[in-house]
Protein backbone atom coordinates (compact mmCIF):
# COMPACT_ATOMS: atom_id res chain seq x y z
CA MET A 1 269.55 86.26 335.95
CA ALA A 2 272.65 87.14 333.91
CA ASP A 3 274.89 86.09 336.36
CA LEU A 4 273.45 82.89 337.84
CA LEU A 5 273.10 81.39 334.26
CA PRO A 6 275.84 80.18 331.33
CA ARG A 7 274.86 82.50 328.15
CA ALA A 8 273.75 79.27 325.89
CA VAL A 9 270.83 78.60 328.42
CA ARG A 10 269.93 82.59 328.29
CA ALA A 11 269.81 83.10 324.54
CA ALA A 12 267.88 79.51 324.52
CA PRO A 13 264.37 80.20 323.26
CA HIS A 14 262.41 79.38 326.45
CA ARG A 15 258.79 78.06 325.36
CA ASP A 16 255.95 76.48 327.69
CA PRO A 17 254.70 73.78 326.17
CA GLY A 18 251.60 73.90 328.27
CA PRO A 19 250.03 70.88 329.99
CA PRO A 20 250.00 67.50 327.96
CA PRO A 21 246.89 67.22 325.51
CA GLN A 22 244.88 64.49 327.73
CA ALA A 23 245.06 66.80 330.75
CA TRP A 24 242.24 69.41 328.97
CA ALA A 25 240.15 66.07 328.81
CA ALA A 26 238.52 65.50 332.20
CA GLY A 27 239.47 66.86 335.88
CA GLY A 28 240.98 69.80 337.14
CA LEU A 29 242.25 71.44 334.50
CA ARG A 30 239.19 71.12 332.12
CA GLU A 31 237.17 72.55 335.32
CA LEU A 32 239.54 75.15 335.95
CA ALA A 33 239.39 76.64 332.26
CA GLU A 34 236.06 76.33 332.22
CA GLU A 35 235.84 78.51 335.38
CA LEU A 36 238.88 81.15 334.45
CA LEU A 37 237.63 81.34 330.78
CA ALA A 38 233.71 81.70 331.63
CA PRO A 39 232.55 84.64 329.20
CA SER A 40 231.29 86.37 332.26
CA ARG A 41 234.77 86.34 334.03
CA LEU A 42 236.70 87.38 330.46
CA ALA A 43 234.21 90.12 329.73
CA ALA A 44 234.75 91.51 333.54
CA GLN A 45 238.06 91.81 332.86
CA GLY A 46 237.98 93.46 329.53
CA ILE A 47 241.41 91.90 328.17
CA PHE A 48 239.98 88.96 325.60
CA ARG A 49 237.28 88.76 323.80
CA PRO A 50 235.18 86.06 325.41
CA ASP A 51 233.61 85.15 321.76
CA HIS A 52 236.92 84.27 320.56
CA VAL A 53 237.80 82.42 323.50
CA GLY A 54 234.81 80.88 323.47
CA ARG A 55 235.58 79.58 319.84
CA LEU A 56 239.01 78.55 321.23
CA TRP A 57 237.75 76.39 323.66
CA ARG A 58 234.83 74.70 321.75
CA GLU A 59 236.85 73.62 319.10
CA HIS A 60 239.86 72.41 321.58
CA LEU A 61 236.99 69.89 323.24
CA ALA A 62 235.31 69.22 320.07
CA GLY A 63 239.13 68.02 318.70
CA ALA A 64 238.46 70.55 315.97
CA HIS A 65 242.20 71.85 316.81
CA ASP A 66 244.67 71.45 318.98
CA HIS A 67 244.44 75.12 321.06
CA GLY A 68 246.22 73.59 324.08
CA ARG A 69 248.95 76.12 323.95
CA ARG A 70 247.39 79.15 323.47
CA LEU A 71 244.50 78.27 325.73
CA TRP A 72 247.48 77.65 328.65
CA GLY A 73 248.76 81.09 327.94
CA LEU A 74 244.76 82.29 328.19
CA LEU A 75 244.68 80.57 331.33
CA VAL A 76 248.08 81.90 333.32
CA ALA A 77 246.98 85.43 331.70
CA THR A 78 243.47 85.43 333.05
CA ARG A 79 244.82 84.10 336.43
CA TRP A 80 247.54 86.65 336.96
CA LEU A 81 245.18 89.34 335.74
CA GLU A 82 242.42 88.59 338.59
CA GLY A 83 242.84 91.20 341.63
CA ARG A 84 244.97 93.64 339.39
CA VAL A 85 242.42 94.17 336.28
CA ALA A 86 239.44 95.59 338.46
CA PRO A 87 241.25 98.17 340.88
CA ALA A 88 242.89 99.73 337.64
CA ALA A 89 239.86 99.92 336.14
CA SER A 90 238.02 101.16 338.85
CA ALA A 91 240.92 103.70 339.50
CA ALA A 92 240.90 104.68 336.07
CA ARG A 93 236.60 105.86 336.51
CA ALA A 94 237.26 107.42 339.74
CA ALA A 95 240.33 109.72 337.73
CA GLY A 96 237.58 110.82 335.10
């Protein structure tokens, strides 16, 4: 991308602010989060600690802390991991 973007753009910090706080309240994003951050799913992926993620989720829903950015990162990561972790783990077990 270096030849397509100006140096100032490439050098600037890039942060994904995640969804707005009200997006977590109800609807598709909350349902998606509950699905992707389910303890059984996280445990099966073996990357993130389900107890820790669950605490973040509960605190966020209760309004005790705004973990929206962190939770958004977890959603993106767990979605990306789907289809990648299980085959890798199976291959590792098969290799001994």
